[in-house]
């Protein structure tokens, strides 16, 4: 025998060892082989994705809508909340804080009051969206100023809608916002 007698079988071409596309084949080991899983998604995967999309839509869609207009009592409560927040900011920061309402637009700005060499710092801004027919009136000063001792000076804000009338004012000694009908 020749030196290469151990390789008595002819070599198979490389392409001959691969199965044809789309056919099932058995591995050379023992036992049946598993068929390749077809491409695509399972029903469970699709359900999970649809649930996630539904949750995201439930969060995003309301944020895209315009804010609902406030009724007169709700607007008065929001004004009182802004005023009380400004009072608390004045006490917490130890500086005077001012709130300025613009009756024509319903916009407001909360800022530290300028003091000696300090420029005012805006703490927040916002806008009241009133229901149709509702109006906002400022009586007296348009700016209410709170000092660090909770005292306040400023005017009143009146919200009207037809026969409804709510007046939001601030107690000058305690800085508490009050709503009168």
Protein backbone atom coordinates (compact mmCIF):
# COMPACT_ATOMS: atom_id res chain seq x y z
CA UNK A 1 0.00 0.00 0.00
CA UNK A 2 0.94 3.49 -0.51
CA UNK A 3 1.71 5.92 2.08
CA UNK A 4 -1.74 7.54 1.87
CA UNK A 5 -3.68 4.32 2.26
CA UNK A 6 -5.41 5.63 5.38
CA UNK A 7 -7.35 7.99 3.11
CA UNK A 8 -8.69 5.27 0.87
CA UNK A 9 -12.02 7.05 0.40
CA UNK A 10 -12.13 9.88 -2.08
CA UNK A 11 -12.69 13.35 -0.60
CA UNK A 12 -16.16 14.82 -0.94
CA UNK A 13 -16.45 18.22 -2.47
CA UNK A 14 -17.29 20.88 0.16
CA UNK A 15 -20.65 21.77 -1.38
CA UNK A 16 -21.77 18.14 -1.35
CA UNK A 17 -21.73 18.03 2.47
CA UNK A 18 -24.32 20.86 2.79
CA UNK A 19 -28.01 20.07 2.42
CA UNK A 20 -29.97 21.78 -0.28
CA UNK A 21 -31.77 24.99 0.72
CA UNK A 22 -35.13 24.40 2.41
CA UNK A 23 -34.56 20.68 3.06
CA UNK A 24 -34.35 19.03 6.44
CA UNK A 25 -31.29 17.02 7.24
CA UNK A 26 -30.04 14.80 9.98
CA UNK A 27 -26.91 15.55 11.83
CA UNK A 28 -24.21 12.97 11.75
CA UNK A 29 -24.69 12.39 15.50
CA UNK A 30 -27.28 10.06 16.93
CA UNK A 31 -30.96 11.01 17.28
CA UNK A 32 -33.25 13.18 15.24
CA UNK A 33 -32.29 16.78 14.70
CA UNK A 34 -34.65 19.66 15.32
CA UNK A 35 -35.94 21.53 12.35
CA UNK A 36 -34.91 25.17 12.15
CA UNK A 37 -37.50 27.53 13.59
CA UNK A 38 -39.21 29.54 10.84
CA UNK A 39 -38.55 33.27 10.79
CA UNK A 40 -41.23 35.49 12.38
CA UNK A 41 -42.73 36.37 15.74
CA UNK A 42 -44.76 34.26 18.10
CA UNK A 43 -48.24 35.28 19.15
CA UNK A 44 -46.97 36.05 22.67
CA UNK A 45 -44.31 38.40 21.33
CA UNK A 46 -46.87 40.24 19.20
CA UNK A 47 -49.27 40.60 22.15
CA UNK A 48 -46.51 42.04 24.36
CA UNK A 49 -45.52 44.58 21.71
CA UNK A 50 -49.16 45.63 21.17
CA UNK A 51 -49.67 46.04 24.92
CA UNK A 52 -46.57 48.23 25.18
CA UNK A 53 -47.73 50.37 22.26
CA UNK A 54 -51.15 50.75 23.91
CA UNK A 55 -49.61 51.89 27.20
CA UNK A 56 -47.37 54.39 25.43
CA UNK A 57 -50.31 55.76 23.43
CA UNK A 58 -52.35 56.14 26.63
CA UNK A 59 -49.57 58.29 28.09
CA UNK A 60 -48.72 60.36 25.02
CA UNK A 61 -52.15 61.17 23.54
CA UNK A 62 -53.49 63.14 26.55
CA UNK A 63 -50.27 65.15 26.66
CA UNK A 64 -50.79 66.23 23.04
CA UNK A 65 -54.27 67.65 23.66
CA UNK A 66 -54.80 71.28 24.57
CA UNK A 67 -55.41 71.83 28.27
CA UNK A 68 -59.05 71.76 29.28
CA UNK A 69 -60.39 75.16 30.25
CA UNK A 70 -60.83 75.82 33.95
CA UNK A 71 -64.22 76.66 35.36
CA UNK A 72 -64.41 79.79 37.50
CA UNK A 73 -64.06 77.95 40.85
CA UNK A 74 -61.20 75.81 39.53
CA UNK A 75 -59.38 78.89 38.21
CA UNK A 76 -59.79 80.57 41.61
CA UNK A 77 -58.32 77.49 43.33
CA UNK A 78 -55.37 77.47 40.93
CA UNK A 79 -54.69 81.16 41.56
CA UNK A 80 -54.79 80.56 45.33
CA UNK A 81 -52.39 77.61 44.92
CA UNK A 82 -49.93 79.76 42.93
CA UNK A 83 -50.06 82.47 45.59
CA UNK A 84 -49.51 79.98 48.43
CA UNK A 85 -46.63 78.40 46.54
CA UNK A 86 -45.01 81.82 46.15
CA UNK A 87 -45.48 82.52 49.87
CA UNK A 88 -43.79 79.21 50.74
CA UNK A 89 -40.93 79.98 48.34
CA UNK A 90 -40.37 83.35 50.07
CA UNK A 91 -40.17 81.67 53.48
CA UNK A 92 -37.95 78.80 52.24
CA UNK A 93 -35.51 81.05 50.34
CA UNK A 94 -35.50 83.92 52.83
CA UNK A 95 -36.16 86.50 50.09
CA UNK A 96 -39.18 88.39 48.83
CA UNK A 97 -41.08 86.58 46.07
CA UNK A 98 -43.49 88.32 43.70
CA UNK A 99 -46.37 86.94 41.64
CA UNK A 100 -47.60 88.98 38.67
CA UNK A 101 -50.84 88.08 36.91
CA UNK A 102 -51.74 89.47 33.48
CA UNK A 103 -55.53 89.63 33.29
CA UNK A 104 -55.78 89.80 29.48
CA UNK A 105 -53.87 86.57 28.84
CA UNK A 106 -54.19 84.71 32.15
CA UNK A 107 -50.42 84.37 32.33
CA UNK A 108 -48.49 84.64 35.56
CA UNK A 109 -44.85 84.85 36.59
CA UNK A 110 -43.41 83.91 39.99
CA UNK A 111 -40.00 85.47 40.64
CA UNK A 112 -37.80 86.68 43.44
CA UNK A 113 -38.19 90.39 43.93
CA UNK A 114 -35.16 92.49 42.95
CA UNK A 115 -33.20 93.45 46.04
CA UNK A 116 -30.23 95.81 46.17
CA UNK A 117 -27.71 94.23 43.81
CA UNK A 118 -29.58 90.97 43.13
CA UNK A 119 -31.39 90.52 39.84
CA UNK A 120 -34.79 88.79 39.99
CA UNK A 121 -34.80 85.03 39.48
CA UNK A 122 -37.80 83.48 37.74
CA UNK A 123 -39.15 80.60 39.82
CA UNK A 124 -42.04 79.65 37.58
CA UNK A 125 -44.46 80.74 34.89
CA UNK A 126 -47.87 79.54 33.81
CA UNK A 127 -51.14 80.35 32.17
CA UNK A 128 -54.71 79.97 33.30
CA UNK A 129 -56.92 78.58 30.56
CA UNK A 130 -60.40 79.87 31.34
CA UNK A 131 -63.64 78.38 30.11
CA UNK A 132 -65.46 80.33 27.37
CA UNK A 133 -67.11 83.42 28.78
CA UNK A 134 -64.90 83.52 31.89
CA UNK A 135 -62.81 86.61 32.55
CA UNK A 136 -59.99 87.54 34.88
CA UNK A 137 -59.76 90.96 36.55
CA UNK A 138 -57.01 92.36 38.73
CA UNK A 139 -58.13 94.82 41.41
CA UNK A 140 -55.43 97.05 42.83
CA UNK A 141 -51.85 95.95 42.29
CA UNK A 142 -51.25 93.34 39.61
CA UNK A 143 -48.23 92.05 41.56
CA UNK A 144 -48.48 90.38 44.95
CA UNK A 145 -45.25 90.34 46.95
CA UNK A 146 -44.54 87.95 49.84
CA UNK A 147 -41.73 88.59 52.29
CA UNK A 148 -39.83 85.89 54.23
CA UNK A 149 -42.01 86.58 57.30
CA UNK A 150 -45.14 85.50 55.38
CA UNK A 151 -46.51 89.02 55.09
CA UNK A 152 -47.98 90.06 51.77
CA UNK A 153 -48.96 93.14 49.85
CA UNK A 154 -50.87 93.23 46.63
CA UNK A 155 -54.30 93.34 45.06
CA UNK A 156 -57.11 90.88 44.47
CA UNK A 157 -57.86 88.75 41.45
CA UNK A 158 -61.46 88.23 40.38
CA UNK A 159 -62.62 85.37 38.17
CA UNK A 160 -66.06 85.81 36.57
CA UNK A 161 -68.15 83.53 34.46
CA UNK A 162 -71.69 84.76 33.95
CA UNK A 163 -73.25 85.10 37.40
CA UNK A 164 -70.37 83.31 39.12
CA UNK A 165 -67.82 85.55 40.78
CA UNK A 166 -64.82 84.42 42.82
CA UNK A 167 -62.37 86.82 44.42
CA UNK A 168 -58.91 85.60 45.41
CA UNK A 169 -57.13 87.84 47.89
CA UNK A 170 -54.19 87.50 50.25
CA UNK A 171 -54.25 88.24 53.97
CA UNK A 172 -51.62 90.94 54.50
CA UNK A 173 -50.41 89.57 57.86
CA UNK A 174 -50.37 85.80 57.29
CA UNK A 175 -49.97 85.62 53.51
CA UNK A 176 -52.83 83.10 53.30
CA UNK A 177 -54.75 83.11 50.05
CA UNK A 178 -58.53 83.33 50.48
CA UNK A 179 -61.31 82.68 48.02
CA UNK A 180 -64.61 84.55 48.43
CA UNK A 181 -67.67 83.88 46.37
